[in-house]
Amino acid sequence: MGLKAATRELGRPVGEMGNPARGAGRTGASHPMTVNEAVLALLRPKPNLTQLANEPADVRAAAQAAFDAPAGLGTIASYATEVALPATGTWANPGKGGAQADIIITAPEAGVPLLFVEIDNCFESAQVLAGKIDKYMRFCQRKVKDVDGKERPMWRTRWWVPDGRHGDRPHPPLLLVFNHVGPRNPNNVIAQLAELTQRHWQGHDYDGDFHMYDRKLPIVVTGMKQPKEHGPAGAIFRRFGRPHNQTLLEAIGNPRREAHDARKQAEYAARGREHKEELRRIAAQHRAEREASRPVCAGCGPRFTDERWKAIEPAGWGAPRDTHRHLCDDCKQRAITAERQAEQAGPEHLDLRQQLAAAAVADPTMEPTTARP
């Protein structure tokens, strides 16, 4: 009845709601209640303060403290419990050898596209937990044909997760939450469990800068009291293979890889800026050298324009050469005009022709004349 009521509240089909805790009556429901506590610790729902105006002062103060506390992870619709992860069979009819996640969190908007959560009340040995992790690994490695006929990991046919970097695509992470109510010491169990499952979670060192976790299962552990107090934003999560506690997002992610990539991008950007600056410097030097070699008009003194400079350059075999390469366009036209006038005066006035041409070049203001001496 509770599952059916939840389907109406969340708008989900019954098949996505998980299974009833059938053994709750015999065991006192300690495990299902711990699952609920873990959901609340990670979700950290905010109270509606407007509905508490008439409550006692201590109630309002507690509600305000919860409201001001760091936000939790996702919404109630982000959580599913008792979800079968079949290593054989189908989603609807899972076979033997698969895992059953106590909680599955899908909150991609919060940076957690998919997270498996396993709750332990400290009654189970490290060997039993290692067997469960083997089942998680078998499920993550299982591939099936998708609707498009392509083979994909089975979990990708149900949940969306970014593809990740080429050559570094880990399996969805697993969070183990230890609630110390049983006889076993969780610290001892965690140490043994890390050793027993090392082949599943240990990454490959990349030049001492970071680790890559391609096809590995990230395993993160914490105690139940810590999420209740600090939530997912607290540095209370320890990932197997790492020496320090981190926030949940850091623990399931790869901060050292992100920092390495950021440094590389900064270096590439700096080299790109240096390269562009060098290109600008070389271009400016070429422009200066070109300007220094620009011809100067022998008649009036100014440097040639780009068009005039191009006109006096060799144009190939058989192309006529410019007759006044040392003159700008204006001086050239005056010189040609003066030469033509001198030619019209006749050969007997050769000296005069030469004088007129020279005078036209030397004095750009001189007006051409056709008068004979």
Protein backbone atom coordinates (compact mmCIF):
# COMPACT_ATOMS: atom_id res chain seq x y z
CA MET A 1 0.00 0.00 0.00
CA GLY A 2 2.88 2.33 0.77
CA LEU A 3 4.46 1.72 -2.61
CA LYS A 4 1.15 2.32 -4.39
CA ALA A 5 0.67 5.57 -2.50
CA ALA A 6 4.19 6.63 -3.46
CA THR A 7 3.45 5.99 -7.14
CA ARG A 8 0.65 8.55 -6.99
CA GLU A 9 2.79 11.06 -5.09
CA LEU A 10 5.82 10.80 -7.40
CA GLY A 11 4.00 10.04 -10.64
CA ARG A 12 6.04 6.88 -11.24
CA PRO A 13 4.95 3.43 -12.36
CA VAL A 14 4.93 0.72 -9.72
CA GLY A 15 7.84 -1.06 -11.42
CA GLU A 16 10.14 1.83 -10.58
CA MET A 17 9.25 1.99 -6.89
CA GLY A 18 11.28 -0.96 -5.61
CA ASN A 19 10.03 -3.84 -3.48
CA PRO A 20 8.37 -4.04 -0.07
CA ALA A 21 10.64 -4.72 2.89
CA ARG A 22 9.13 -8.17 3.48
CA GLY A 23 11.31 -8.99 6.45
CA ALA A 24 10.56 -5.78 8.34
CA GLY A 25 8.21 -7.48 10.78
CA ARG A 26 10.74 -10.14 11.73
CA THR A 27 13.78 -7.88 12.03
CA GLY A 28 12.24 -4.78 13.51
CA ALA A 29 12.79 -2.95 10.20
CA SER A 30 16.23 -1.76 11.26
CA HIS A 31 17.66 -1.87 7.74
CA PRO A 32 14.69 -0.18 5.97
CA MET A 33 14.69 2.53 8.62
CA THR A 34 18.42 3.08 8.12
CA VAL A 35 17.76 3.42 4.40
CA ASN A 36 15.17 6.10 5.17
CA GLU A 37 17.64 7.88 7.43
CA ALA A 38 20.27 7.84 4.69
CA VAL A 39 17.82 9.29 2.17
CA LEU A 40 16.90 12.11 4.56
CA ALA A 41 20.56 12.77 5.39
CA LEU A 42 21.47 13.15 1.71
CA LEU A 43 18.24 14.83 0.61
CA ARG A 44 18.04 17.26 3.54
CA PRO A 45 14.51 18.48 2.74
CA LYS A 46 13.76 22.06 3.70
CA PRO A 47 10.78 22.82 5.95
CA ASN A 48 8.10 25.25 4.87
CA LEU A 49 8.54 28.02 7.43
CA THR A 50 5.22 29.68 6.54
CA GLN A 51 3.39 26.64 7.91
CA LEU A 52 5.16 26.83 11.26
CA ALA A 53 4.14 30.32 12.32
CA ASN A 54 1.93 29.02 15.15
CA GLU A 55 4.40 26.41 16.40
CA PRO A 56 6.42 26.85 19.64
CA ALA A 57 9.61 28.88 19.49
CA ASP A 58 11.90 25.84 19.79
CA VAL A 59 10.16 24.18 16.84
CA ARG A 60 10.51 27.31 14.72
CA ALA A 61 14.18 27.62 15.71
CA ALA A 62 14.89 24.02 14.73
CA ALA A 63 13.06 24.50 11.44
CA GLN A 64 15.01 27.69 10.73
CA ALA A 65 18.29 25.89 11.43
CA ALA A 66 17.32 23.14 8.99
CA PHE A 67 16.27 25.73 6.43
CA ASP A 68 19.60 27.60 6.74
CA ALA A 69 21.70 24.43 6.57
CA PRO A 70 23.58 23.54 3.34
CA ALA A 71 21.35 22.17 0.61
CA GLY A 72 20.99 18.46 0.08
CA LEU A 73 21.21 16.36 -3.03
CA GLY A 74 18.38 16.38 -5.58
CA THR A 75 14.66 16.08 -4.83
CA ILE A 76 12.57 13.24 -3.46
CA ALA A 77 12.01 12.13 -7.06
CA SER A 78 15.80 11.67 -7.40
CA TYR A 79 15.73 8.69 -5.03
CA ALA A 80 14.67 5.09 -5.61
CA THR A 81 15.06 2.22 -3.14
CA GLU A 82 15.49 -1.54 -3.44
CA VAL A 83 16.37 -1.46 -7.14
CA ALA A 84 17.45 -4.70 -8.77
CA LEU A 85 20.65 -4.55 -10.84
CA PRO A 86 20.52 -7.77 -12.87
CA ALA A 87 23.71 -9.53 -13.90
CA THR A 88 21.44 -12.00 -15.72
CA GLY A 89 17.84 -11.86 -16.77
CA THR A 90 15.97 -8.63 -17.45
CA TRP A 91 14.97 -5.52 -15.56
CA ALA A 92 11.51 -6.96 -14.93
CA ASN A 93 12.74 -10.48 -14.17
CA PRO A 94 16.29 -10.28 -12.84
CA GLY A 95 18.25 -13.52 -12.65
CA LYS A 96 20.75 -14.72 -10.10
CA GLY A 97 24.12 -13.13 -9.50
CA GLY A 98 23.03 -9.49 -9.60
CA ALA A 99 22.98 -6.79 -6.94
CA GLN A 100 20.10 -4.97 -5.29
CA ALA A 101 20.87 -1.34 -4.55
CA ASP A 102 19.44 -0.04 -1.31
CA ILE A 103 19.25 3.44 -2.85
CA ILE A 104 19.83 4.81 -6.32
CA ILE A 105 20.24 8.57 -6.72
CA THR A 106 19.83 10.29 -10.08
CA ALA A 107 20.44 14.03 -9.73
CA PRO A 108 22.38 15.17 -12.82
CA GLU A 109 21.43 18.79 -12.16
CA ALA A 110 23.36 18.51 -8.87
CA GLY A 111 26.41 16.82 -10.44
CA VAL A 112 25.34 13.27 -9.54
CA PRO A 113 23.93 11.61 -12.69
CA LEU A 114 23.91 8.16 -11.09
CA LEU A 115 24.97 6.95 -7.65
CA PHE A 116 24.44 3.54 -6.09
CA VAL A 117 24.10 3.52 -2.28
CA GLU A 118 24.53 0.47 -0.06
CA ILE A 119 23.59 0.61 3.63
CA ASP A 120 25.32 -1.56 6.24
CA ASN A 121 24.29 -1.78 9.90
CA CYS A 122 27.64 -3.36 10.78
CA PHE A 123 26.30 -6.91 10.99
CA GLU A 124 28.04 -8.13 7.84
CA SER A 125 31.70 -9.05 7.41
CA ALA A 126 34.07 -7.47 4.92
CA GLN A 127 33.96 -10.70 2.90
CA VAL A 128 30.17 -10.56 2.57
CA LEU A 129 30.32 -6.91 1.50
CA ALA A 130 33.08 -7.74 -1.00
CA GLY A 131 30.73 -10.33 -2.50
CA LYS A 132 28.08 -7.64 -2.93
CA ILE A 133 30.59 -5.37 -4.64
CA ASP A 134 31.46 -8.22 -7.02
CA LYS A 135 27.78 -8.29 -7.98
CA TYR A 136 27.77 -4.53 -8.58
CA MET A 137 30.81 -4.98 -10.80
CA ARG A 138 29.18 -7.79 -12.78
CA PHE A 139 26.15 -5.63 -13.38
CA CYS A 140 28.23 -2.62 -14.45
CA GLN A 141 30.19 -4.76 -16.89
CA ARG A 142 27.12 -6.36 -18.44
CA LYS A 143 26.31 -5.23 -21.98
CA VAL A 144 23.06 -5.64 -23.87
CA LYS A 145 21.67 -4.50 -27.22
CA ASP A 146 19.85 -1.20 -27.00
CA VAL A 147 16.77 -0.23 -29.01
CA ASP A 148 19.00 0.98 -31.85
CA GLY A 149 20.66 -2.42 -32.10
CA LYS A 150 23.97 -1.21 -30.66
CA GLU A 151 25.55 -2.92 -27.67
CA ARG A 152 25.85 -0.77 -24.55
CA PRO A 153 26.32 -1.24 -20.82
CA MET A 154 22.97 -2.36 -19.45
CA TRP A 155 22.81 0.50 -16.95
CA ARG A 156 23.05 3.02 -19.79
CA THR A 157 19.80 1.71 -21.24
CA ARG A 158 18.00 2.96 -18.14
CA TRP A 159 19.95 5.94 -16.82
CA TRP A 160 21.71 8.84 -18.51
CA VAL A 161 25.32 9.58 -17.58
CA PRO A 162 27.82 11.70 -19.56
CA ASP A 163 30.15 9.62 -21.71
CA GLY A 164 33.27 10.86 -19.94
CA ARG A 165 36.69 11.31 -21.46
CA HIS A 166 38.01 8.91 -24.03
CA GLY A 167 40.11 6.31 -22.24
CA ASP A 168 38.74 7.24 -18.81
CA ARG A 169 35.14 6.09 -18.42
CA PRO A 170 34.56 4.67 -14.95
CA HIS A 171 31.45 2.77 -13.86
CA PRO A 172 28.82 4.60 -11.78
CA PRO A 173 30.12 5.16 -8.22
CA LEU A 174 29.02 3.20 -5.17
CA LEU A 175 28.54 4.86 -1.77
CA LEU A 176 28.71 2.63 1.31
CA VAL A 177 27.06 4.11 4.41
CA PHE A 178 27.95 2.37 7.69
CA ASN A 179 25.49 2.68 10.56
CA HIS A 180 27.27 1.44 13.69
CA VAL A 181 24.49 -0.44 15.43
CA GLY A 182 25.84 -3.96 14.92
CA PRO A 183 28.80 -5.67 16.60
CA ARG A 184 31.40 -5.10 13.88
CA ASN A 185 33.85 -2.20 13.92
CA PRO A 186 33.24 -0.26 10.68
CA ASN A 187 36.82 1.02 10.53
CA ASN A 188 38.18 -2.54 10.49
CA VAL A 189 35.60 -3.65 7.95
CA ILE A 190 36.41 -0.71 5.67
CA ALA A 191 40.14 -1.45 5.75
CA GLN A 192 39.58 -5.13 4.91
CA LEU A 193 37.00 -4.28 2.26
CA ALA A 194 39.34 -1.87 0.49
CA GLU A 195 41.96 -4.59 0.26
CA LEU A 196 39.52 -7.29 -0.90
CA THR A 197 38.07 -5.11 -3.68
CA GLN A 198 41.21 -3.29 -4.79
CA ARG A 199 41.07 -4.80 -8.28
CA HIS A 200 37.66 -3.18 -8.77
CA TRP A 201 38.46 0.40 -7.71
CA GLN A 202 42.20 1.03 -8.10
CA GLY A 203 42.99 3.53 -10.84
CA HIS A 204 46.00 3.86 -13.11
CA ASP A 205 48.56 6.54 -12.29
CA TYR A 206 49.07 9.17 -15.00
CA ASP A 207 52.54 10.75 -14.73
CA GLY A 208 52.07 11.24 -11.00
CA ASP A 209 49.50 13.99 -11.61
CA PHE A 210 46.26 12.04 -11.25
CA HIS A 211 44.65 8.63 -11.69
CA MET A 212 42.44 7.34 -14.48
CA TYR A 213 39.60 4.99 -13.59
CA ASP A 214 38.56 3.51 -16.91
CA ARG A 215 36.13 0.59 -16.30
CA LYS A 216 36.73 0.83 -12.56
CA LEU A 217 34.09 1.07 -9.83
CA PRO A 218 34.58 4.15 -7.62
CA ILE A 219 33.83 3.12 -4.01
CA VAL A 220 33.16 5.79 -1.38
CA VAL A 221 32.49 5.21 2.32
CA THR A 222 31.10 7.28 5.18
CA GLY A 223 29.35 6.83 8.54
CA MET A 224 25.66 7.50 9.04
CA LYS A 225 26.23 10.20 11.67
CA GLN A 226 28.33 12.37 9.35
CA PRO A 227 25.75 12.88 6.54
CA LYS A 228 23.09 13.58 9.15
CA GLU A 229 25.21 16.38 10.56
CA HIS A 230 26.97 17.77 7.49
CA GLY A 231 25.06 16.53 4.46
CA PRO A 232 26.65 15.76 1.05
CA ALA A 233 28.52 19.09 1.04
CA GLY A 234 30.61 18.12 4.07
CA ALA A 235 34.12 16.71 3.73
CA ILE A 236 33.05 13.42 5.28
CA PHE A 237 33.43 10.96 2.40
CA ARG A 238 36.50 8.77 1.88
CA ARG A 239 37.09 7.19 -1.51
CA PHE A 240 39.10 3.98 -1.59
CA GLY A 241 42.64 4.80 -2.69
CA ARG A 242 42.60 8.41 -1.51
CA PRO A 243 44.23 9.62 1.73
CA HIS A 244 41.78 12.36 2.78
CA ASN A 245 38.07 12.95 3.21
CA GLN A 246 36.26 14.94 0.53
CA THR A 247 32.82 16.24 -0.27
CA LEU A 248 30.56 13.81 -2.09
CA LEU A 249 31.04 15.47 -5.47
CA GLU A 250 34.82 15.45 -5.04
CA ALA A 251 34.83 11.85 -3.85
CA ILE A 252 32.85 10.49 -6.80
CA GLY A 253 34.69 12.77 -9.24
CA ASN A 254 38.34 13.28 -10.15
CA PRO A 255 39.46 16.70 -8.82
CA ARG A 256 43.14 16.08 -9.57
CA ARG A 257 42.26 15.30 -13.18
CA GLU A 258 40.17 18.46 -13.37
CA ALA A 259 43.03 20.53 -11.91
CA HIS A 260 45.49 18.92 -14.34
CA ASP A 261 43.24 19.68 -17.31
CA ALA A 262 42.73 23.26 -16.12
CA ARG A 263 46.52 23.75 -15.88
CA LYS A 264 47.01 22.30 -19.35
CA GLN A 265 44.31 24.53 -20.81
CA ALA A 266 45.90 27.55 -19.14
CA GLU A 267 49.30 26.56 -20.57
CA TYR A 268 47.83 26.08 -24.04
CA ALA A 269 46.09 29.44 -23.81
CA ALA A 270 49.31 31.14 -22.67
CA ARG A 271 51.28 29.54 -25.50
CA GLY A 272 48.58 30.59 -27.92
CA ARG A 273 48.80 34.18 -26.72
CA GLU A 274 52.61 34.09 -26.98
CA HIS A 275 52.37 32.67 -30.50
CA LYS A 276 49.93 35.35 -31.59
CA GLU A 277 52.14 38.04 -30.07
CA GLU A 278 55.16 36.64 -31.92
CA LEU A 279 53.21 36.64 -35.18
CA ARG A 280 52.20 40.26 -34.58
CA ARG A 281 55.82 41.18 -33.85
CA ILE A 282 57.08 39.46 -36.99
CA ALA A 283 54.36 41.11 -39.10
CA ALA A 284 55.25 44.53 -37.68
CA GLN A 285 58.94 43.90 -38.42
CA HIS A 286 58.13 42.90 -42.00
CA ARG A 287 56.01 46.01 -42.46
CA ALA A 288 58.84 48.19 -41.12
CA GLU A 289 61.38 46.50 -43.40
CA ARG A 290 59.07 46.91 -46.38
CA GLU A 291 58.54 50.59 -45.62
CA ALA A 292 62.29 51.10 -45.32
CA SER A 293 62.78 49.63 -48.80
CA ARG A 294 59.95 51.61 -50.42
CA PRO A 295 61.34 53.63 -53.39
CA VAL A 296 61.62 57.43 -53.24
CA CYS A 297 60.69 59.62 -56.20
CA ALA A 298 63.81 61.15 -57.72
CA GLY A 299 61.78 64.14 -58.82
CA CYS A 300 59.67 65.33 -55.89
CA GLY A 301 61.05 63.27 -52.99
CA PRO A 302 58.03 61.43 -51.43
CA ARG A 303 57.92 57.64 -51.25
CA PHE A 304 56.03 55.67 -53.87
CA THR A 305 52.46 54.60 -53.30
CA ASP A 306 51.72 50.86 -53.18
CA GLU A 307 50.23 51.07 -56.70
CA ARG A 308 53.26 52.85 -58.16
CA TRP A 309 55.66 50.50 -56.40
CA LYS A 310 53.84 47.52 -57.83
CA ALA A 311 53.86 49.07 -61.31
CA ILE A 312 57.67 49.35 -61.46
CA GLU A 313 58.29 45.78 -60.28
CA PRO A 314 59.18 43.18 -62.93
CA ALA A 315 56.03 41.54 -64.28
CA GLY A 316 57.61 38.54 -66.01
CA TRP A 317 59.35 37.66 -69.23
CA GLY A 318 58.41 39.84 -72.18
CA ALA A 319 56.51 42.39 -70.11
CA PRO A 320 57.47 45.99 -70.94
CA ARG A 321 59.55 47.74 -68.30
CA ASP A 322 58.50 51.05 -66.88
CA THR A 323 60.32 53.89 -68.66
CA HIS A 324 60.59 56.09 -65.59
CA ARG A 325 61.16 53.68 -62.69
CA HIS A 326 62.72 56.40 -60.56
CA LEU A 327 59.72 58.73 -60.73
CA CYS A 328 56.29 58.75 -59.09
CA ASP A 329 53.16 58.83 -61.23
CA ASP A 330 52.86 62.65 -61.29
CA CYS A 331 56.52 63.23 -62.08
CA LYS A 332 56.43 60.51 -64.69
CA GLN A 333 53.51 62.17 -66.48
CA ARG A 334 55.22 65.56 -66.42
CA ALA A 335 58.43 64.04 -67.74
CA ILE A 336 56.61 62.24 -70.55
CA THR A 337 54.73 65.41 -71.48
CA ALA A 338 57.94 67.42 -71.53
CA GLU A 339 59.68 64.84 -73.68
CA ARG A 340 56.83 64.82 -76.18
CA GLN A 341 56.88 68.61 -76.41
CA ALA A 342 60.60 68.57 -76.98
CA GLU A 343 60.24 65.93 -79.71
CA GLN A 344 57.67 68.08 -81.46
CA ALA A 345 60.16 70.97 -81.46
CA GLY A 346 62.38 68.98 -83.86
CA PRO A 347 65.78 67.31 -83.69
CA GLU A 348 67.58 70.63 -83.99
CA HIS A 349 66.40 71.46 -80.49
CA LEU A 350 67.63 68.27 -78.79
CA ASP A 351 69.42 70.14 -76.04
CA LEU A 352 66.25 72.07 -75.34
CA ARG A 353 64.24 68.83 -75.08
CA GLN A 354 66.61 67.53 -72.47
CA GLN A 355 66.44 70.78 -70.57
CA LEU A 356 62.62 70.79 -70.58
CA ALA A 357 62.39 67.18 -69.33
CA ALA A 358 64.86 67.86 -66.56
CA ALA A 359 63.08 71.06 -65.62
CA ALA A 360 59.69 69.29 -65.51
CA VAL A 361 61.04 66.69 -63.13
CA ALA A 362 62.86 69.22 -60.98
CA ASP A 363 59.88 71.61 -60.79
CA PRO A 364 56.52 69.80 -60.48
CA THR A 365 54.70 73.18 -60.73
CA MET A 366 56.08 73.89 -64.17
CA GLU A 367 53.36 74.10 -66.81
CA PRO A 368 53.96 72.27 -70.09
CA THR A 369 54.22 74.50 -73.18
CA THR A 370 54.10 73.92 -76.89
CA ALA A 371 55.75 77.27 -77.89
CA ARG A 372 58.80 76.96 -80.07
CA PRO A 373 61.91 79.04 -79.26
